[in-house]
Amino acid sequence: MAGEKISMLARYAIGIVALLASAPALAQSLDAAAAQRFVLNKLFAFTCVDGSRGSGRVFDDGSVIGTIQLGGTGSDHLVWLRAGTLKVKGERVCASLDGIPFEPCFDLTKTGDESFRGSVSGSEFASCDFTHSPGSDRTAHLQASEPLSLNPTHLKRTK
């Protein structure tokens, strides 16, 4: 059960990492700098191919806070990923997550003025769609029934 939660949280984190890469132009691949401008400090709702859904906000220190409903059923859970979870490696956004023996990086594609799709690089099947609601950044309150967290490494900017 704990391993399943970590796995689902890792998918969530991977999806949220995708938040860091969004910019202007429909169906346009996004680099890390454009993603940061588009995503940082904004609240996005997301839905993933496995049915998981929720919302989250990415901060400029690489931390994330949000909610997730694993597999689209059951209670919402509060999730926070510490500073340094998300980082820029060259032109890519990647994640440092405990319990995962590699650093996943993400392919990000703008799908609308306020939306994008994020997937693990090389894995179109593992994707989430993100949508920003203008005005939600000031009014959204994240609530959950059971806090969960991951313990990533420190924030790094590497090439």
C-alpha atoms as a PDB file:
ATOM      1  CA  MET A   1       0.000   0.000   0.000  1.00  0.00           C
ATOM      2  CA  ALA A   2       2.771   2.479   0.907  1.00  0.00           C
ATOM      3  CA  GLY A   3       4.682   1.500  -2.242  1.00  0.00           C
ATOM      4  CA  GLU A   4       1.552   2.055  -4.339  1.00  0.00           C
ATOM      5  CA  LYS A   5       1.083   5.527  -2.823  1.00  0.00           C
ATOM      6  CA  ILE A   6       4.724   6.413  -3.523  1.00  0.00           C
ATOM      7  CA  SER A   7       4.348   5.157  -7.096  1.00  0.00           C
ATOM      8  CA  MET A   8       1.188   7.206  -7.611  1.00  0.00           C
ATOM      9  CA  LEU A   9       2.816  10.211  -5.977  1.00  0.00           C
ATOM     10  CA  ALA A  10       5.792   9.791  -8.252  1.00  0.00           C
ATOM     11  CA  ARG A  11       3.436   9.903 -11.244  1.00  0.00           C
ATOM     12  CA  TYR A  12       1.834  12.998  -9.757  1.00  0.00           C
ATOM     13  CA  ALA A  13       5.239  14.581  -9.286  1.00  0.00           C
ATOM     14  CA  ILE A  14       6.129  13.710 -12.846  1.00  0.00           C
ATOM     15  CA  GLY A  15       2.947  15.378 -13.985  1.00  0.00           C
ATOM     16  CA  ILE A  16       3.589  18.440 -11.890  1.00  0.00           C
ATOM     17  CA  VAL A  17       7.100  18.658 -13.236  1.00  0.00           C
ATOM     18  CA  ALA A  18       5.459  18.992 -16.593  1.00  0.00           C
ATOM     19  CA  LEU A  19       3.912  22.150 -15.193  1.00  0.00           C
ATOM     20  CA  LEU A  20       7.277  23.810 -15.494  1.00  0.00           C
ATOM     21  CA  ALA A  21       7.248  23.681 -19.261  1.00  0.00           C
ATOM     22  CA  SER A  22       4.541  25.675 -20.949  1.00  0.00           C
ATOM     23  CA  ALA A  23       4.632  28.735 -23.256  1.00  0.00           C
ATOM     24  CA  PRO A  24       2.869  30.427 -26.190  1.00  0.00           C
ATOM     25  CA  ALA A  25       1.753  28.672 -29.392  1.00  0.00           C
ATOM     26  CA  LEU A  26      -0.626  25.782 -29.912  1.00  0.00           C
ATOM     27  CA  ALA A  27       0.929  22.297 -30.062  1.00  0.00           C
ATOM     28  CA  GLN A  28       4.376  23.746 -29.471  1.00  0.00           C
ATOM     29  CA  SER A  29       7.106  21.929 -27.575  1.00  0.00           C
ATOM     30  CA  LEU A  30       8.215  23.964 -24.601  1.00  0.00           C
ATOM     31  CA  ASP A  31      11.686  24.519 -23.212  1.00  0.00           C
ATOM     32  CA  ALA A  32      12.461  24.976 -19.524  1.00  0.00           C
ATOM     33  CA  ALA A  33      12.656  28.799 -19.575  1.00  0.00           C
ATOM     34  CA  ALA A  34       9.287  29.153 -21.312  1.00  0.00           C
ATOM     35  CA  ALA A  35       7.783  26.642 -18.891  1.00  0.00           C
ATOM     36  CA  GLN A  36       8.951  28.597 -15.872  1.00  0.00           C
ATOM     37  CA  ARG A  37       7.443  31.832 -17.201  1.00  0.00           C
ATOM     38  CA  PHE A  38       4.116  30.157 -17.922  1.00  0.00           C
ATOM     39  CA  VAL A  39       3.714  27.955 -14.868  1.00  0.00           C
ATOM     40  CA  LEU A  40       5.438  29.305 -11.752  1.00  0.00           C
ATOM     41  CA  ASN A  41       3.125  30.300  -8.899  1.00  0.00           C
ATOM     42  CA  LYS A  42      -0.061  29.492 -10.846  1.00  0.00           C
ATOM     43  CA  LEU A  43      -2.615  26.872  -9.888  1.00  0.00           C
ATOM     44  CA  PHE A  44      -3.278  24.181 -12.500  1.00  0.00           C
ATOM     45  CA  ALA A  45      -5.881  21.409 -12.485  1.00  0.00           C
ATOM     46  CA  PHE A  46      -4.745  18.139 -14.039  1.00  0.00           C
ATOM     47  CA  THR A  47      -6.088  14.810 -15.260  1.00  0.00           C
ATOM     48  CA  CYS A  48      -3.860  11.860 -16.136  1.00  0.00           C
ATOM     49  CA  VAL A  49      -4.341   8.863 -18.407  1.00  0.00           C
ATOM     50  CA  ASP A  50      -4.596   6.521 -15.392  1.00  0.00           C
ATOM     51  CA  GLY A  51      -7.591   8.527 -14.083  1.00  0.00           C
ATOM     52  CA  SER A  52      -5.666  10.388 -11.385  1.00  0.00           C
ATOM     53  CA  ARG A  53      -6.656  14.026 -11.053  1.00  0.00           C
ATOM     54  CA  GLY A  54      -6.081  17.022  -8.846  1.00  0.00           C
ATOM     55  CA  SER A  55      -4.500  20.443  -8.778  1.00  0.00           C
ATOM     56  CA  GLY A  56      -1.111  21.874  -7.953  1.00  0.00           C
ATOM     57  CA  ARG A  57       1.130  24.886  -7.849  1.00  0.00           C
ATOM     58  CA  VAL A  58       4.869  24.970  -8.679  1.00  0.00           C
ATOM     59  CA  PHE A  59       7.086  27.466  -6.863  1.00  0.00           C
ATOM     60  CA  ASP A  60      10.339  29.031  -8.049  1.00  0.00           C
ATOM     61  CA  ASP A  61      12.431  26.960  -5.617  1.00  0.00           C
ATOM     62  CA  GLY A  62      11.358  23.724  -7.331  1.00  0.00           C
ATOM     63  CA  SER A  63       8.784  22.833  -4.682  1.00  0.00           C
ATOM     64  CA  VAL A  64       5.191  21.849  -5.395  1.00  0.00           C
ATOM     65  CA  ILE A  65       1.992  21.731  -3.354  1.00  0.00           C
ATOM     66  CA  GLY A  66      -1.275  20.264  -4.506  1.00  0.00           C
ATOM     67  CA  THR A  67      -3.933  17.633  -4.174  1.00  0.00           C
ATOM     68  CA  ILE A  68      -4.353  14.307  -5.926  1.00  0.00           C
ATOM     69  CA  GLN A  69      -7.088  11.731  -6.169  1.00  0.00           C
ATOM     70  CA  LEU A  70      -5.191   8.546  -7.036  1.00  0.00           C
ATOM     71  CA  GLY A  71      -6.672   6.644  -9.949  1.00  0.00           C
ATOM     72  CA  GLY A  72      -9.636   9.019  -9.911  1.00  0.00           C
ATOM     73  CA  THR A  73     -11.278   7.325  -6.907  1.00  0.00           C
ATOM     74  CA  GLY A  74     -11.248   7.725  -3.158  1.00  0.00           C
ATOM     75  CA  SER A  75     -10.194  10.717  -1.101  1.00  0.00           C
ATOM     76  CA  ASP A  76      -8.123  13.665  -2.233  1.00  0.00           C
ATOM     77  CA  HIS A  77      -4.664  13.713  -0.668  1.00  0.00           C
ATOM     78  CA  LEU A  78      -2.514  16.737   0.024  1.00  0.00           C
ATOM     79  CA  VAL A  79       0.909  16.362  -1.579  1.00  0.00           C
ATOM     80  CA  TRP A  80       3.921  18.566  -1.148  1.00  0.00           C
ATOM     81  CA  LEU A  81       7.252  18.116  -2.849  1.00  0.00           C
ATOM     82  CA  ARG A  82      10.152  19.900  -1.183  1.00  0.00           C
ATOM     83  CA  ALA A  83      12.386  22.564  -2.686  1.00  0.00           C
ATOM     84  CA  GLY A  84      14.597  21.041  -5.335  1.00  0.00           C
ATOM     85  CA  THR A  85      12.140  18.420  -6.527  1.00  0.00           C
ATOM     86  CA  LEU A  86      11.942  20.102  -9.915  1.00  0.00           C
ATOM     87  CA  LYS A  87      15.059  21.335 -11.638  1.00  0.00           C
ATOM     88  CA  VAL A  88      16.329  22.493 -14.983  1.00  0.00           C
ATOM     89  CA  LYS A  89      18.893  20.310 -16.775  1.00  0.00           C
ATOM     90  CA  GLY A  90      19.968  22.123 -19.908  1.00  0.00           C
ATOM     91  CA  GLU A  91      16.722  22.855 -21.753  1.00  0.00           C
ATOM     92  CA  ARG A  92      14.694  20.189 -19.919  1.00  0.00           C
ATOM     93  CA  VAL A  93      12.695  20.035 -16.728  1.00  0.00           C
ATOM     94  CA  CYS A  94      13.451  16.976 -14.598  1.00  0.00           C
ATOM     95  CA  ALA A  95      12.514  15.658 -11.157  1.00  0.00           C
ATOM     96  CA  SER A  96      14.510  14.321  -8.211  1.00  0.00           C
ATOM     97  CA  LEU A  97      12.323  11.882  -6.285  1.00  0.00           C
ATOM     98  CA  ASP A  98      13.206   9.480  -3.499  1.00  0.00           C
ATOM     99  CA  GLY A  99      12.343   5.896  -4.346  1.00  0.00           C
ATOM    100  CA  ILE A 100      12.942   6.366  -8.079  1.00  0.00           C
ATOM    101  CA  PRO A 101      16.396   5.245  -9.252  1.00  0.00           C
ATOM    102  CA  PHE A 102      16.536   7.778 -12.108  1.00  0.00           C
ATOM    103  CA  GLU A 103      15.632  11.432 -12.743  1.00  0.00           C
ATOM    104  CA  PRO A 104      12.671  11.534 -15.100  1.00  0.00           C
ATOM    105  CA  CYS A 105      12.575  14.430 -17.553  1.00  0.00           C
ATOM    106  CA  PHE A 106       9.497  15.632 -19.379  1.00  0.00           C
ATOM    107  CA  ASP A 107       8.161  16.432 -22.824  1.00  0.00           C
ATOM    108  CA  LEU A 108       5.801  19.398 -22.616  1.00  0.00           C
ATOM    109  CA  THR A 109       3.460  20.564 -25.324  1.00  0.00           C
ATOM    110  CA  LYS A 110       1.214  23.589 -25.229  1.00  0.00           C
ATOM    111  CA  THR A 111      -2.360  22.594 -26.111  1.00  0.00           C
ATOM    112  CA  GLY A 112      -4.131  25.943 -25.607  1.00  0.00           C
ATOM    113  CA  ASP A 113      -3.772  29.469 -24.204  1.00  0.00           C
ATOM    114  CA  GLU A 114      -3.971  28.174 -20.622  1.00  0.00           C
ATOM    115  CA  SER A 115      -3.218  24.451 -21.016  1.00  0.00           C
ATOM    116  CA  PHE A 116      -0.520  21.919 -21.840  1.00  0.00           C
ATOM    117  CA  ARG A 117       0.209  18.197 -21.854  1.00  0.00           C
ATOM    118  CA  GLY A 118       3.158  16.755 -19.989  1.00  0.00           C
ATOM    119  CA  SER A 119       4.597  13.281 -20.424  1.00  0.00           C
ATOM    120  CA  VAL A 120       7.671  11.417 -19.280  1.00  0.00           C
ATOM    121  CA  SER A 121      10.244  11.782 -22.066  1.00  0.00           C
ATOM    122  CA  GLY A 122       9.875   8.880 -24.450  1.00  0.00           C
ATOM    123  CA  SER A 123       6.582   7.686 -22.905  1.00  0.00           C
ATOM    124  CA  GLU A 124       3.510   9.138 -24.596  1.00  0.00           C
ATOM    125  CA  PHE A 125       1.313   6.742 -22.593  1.00  0.00           C
ATOM    126  CA  ALA A 126       2.317   8.306 -19.238  1.00  0.00           C
ATOM    127  CA  SER A 127       0.825  11.766 -19.636  1.00  0.00           C
ATOM    128  CA  CYS A 128      -1.286  14.364 -17.853  1.00  0.00           C
ATOM    129  CA  ASP A 129      -3.240  17.342 -19.180  1.00  0.00           C
ATOM    130  CA  PHE A 130      -2.983  20.616 -17.232  1.00  0.00           C
ATOM    131  CA  THR A 131      -5.345  23.590 -17.320  1.00  0.00           C
ATOM    132  CA  HIS A 132      -4.907  26.962 -15.603  1.00  0.00           C
ATOM    133  CA  SER A 133      -8.003  28.876 -14.554  1.00  0.00           C
ATOM    134  CA  PRO A 134      -7.354  32.627 -14.603  1.00  0.00           C
ATOM    135  CA  GLY A 135      -8.325  34.068 -11.226  1.00  0.00           C
ATOM    136  CA  SER A 136      -7.792  30.744  -9.422  1.00  0.00           C
ATOM    137  CA  ASP A 137      -4.338  31.804  -8.242  1.00  0.00           C
ATOM    138  CA  ARG A 138      -5.777  34.213  -5.686  1.00  0.00           C
ATOM    139  CA  THR A 139      -8.763  32.185  -4.511  1.00  0.00           C
ATOM    140  CA  ALA A 140      -7.765  28.517  -4.552  1.00  0.00           C
ATOM    141  CA  HIS A 141      -7.417  26.742  -1.210  1.00  0.00           C
ATOM    142  CA  LEU A 142      -5.919  23.271  -1.268  1.00  0.00           C
ATOM    143  CA  GLN A 143      -7.477  20.826   1.164  1.00  0.00           C
ATOM    144  CA  ALA A 144      -6.984  17.128   1.710  1.00  0.00           C
ATOM    145  CA  SER A 145      -7.821  14.327   4.076  1.00  0.00           C
ATOM    146  CA  GLU A 146      -4.386  12.723   4.529  1.00  0.00           C
ATOM    147  CA  PRO A 147      -1.017  14.440   3.924  1.00  0.00           C
ATOM    148  CA  LEU A 148       1.566  12.575   1.870  1.00  0.00           C
ATOM    149  CA  SER A 149       5.061  13.693   0.884  1.00  0.00           C
ATOM    150  CA  LEU A 150       8.178  12.739  -1.018  1.00  0.00           C
ATOM    151  CA  ASN A 151      11.689  13.730   0.031  1.00  0.00           C
ATOM    152  CA  PRO A 152      13.634  14.928  -3.054  1.00  0.00           C
ATOM    153  CA  THR A 153      17.251  16.046  -3.252  1.00  0.00           C
ATOM    154  CA  HIS A 154      18.255  19.696  -3.011  1.00  0.00           C
ATOM    155  CA  LEU A 155      17.495  22.126  -5.844  1.00  0.00           C
ATOM    156  CA  LYS A 156      20.153  21.985  -8.532  1.00  0.00           C
ATOM    157  CA  ARG A 157      20.634  23.666 -11.856  1.00  0.00           C
ATOM    158  CA  THR A 158      22.822  21.389 -13.985  1.00  0.00           C
ATOM    159  CA  LYS A 159      23.746  21.102 -17.629  1.00  0.00           C
END
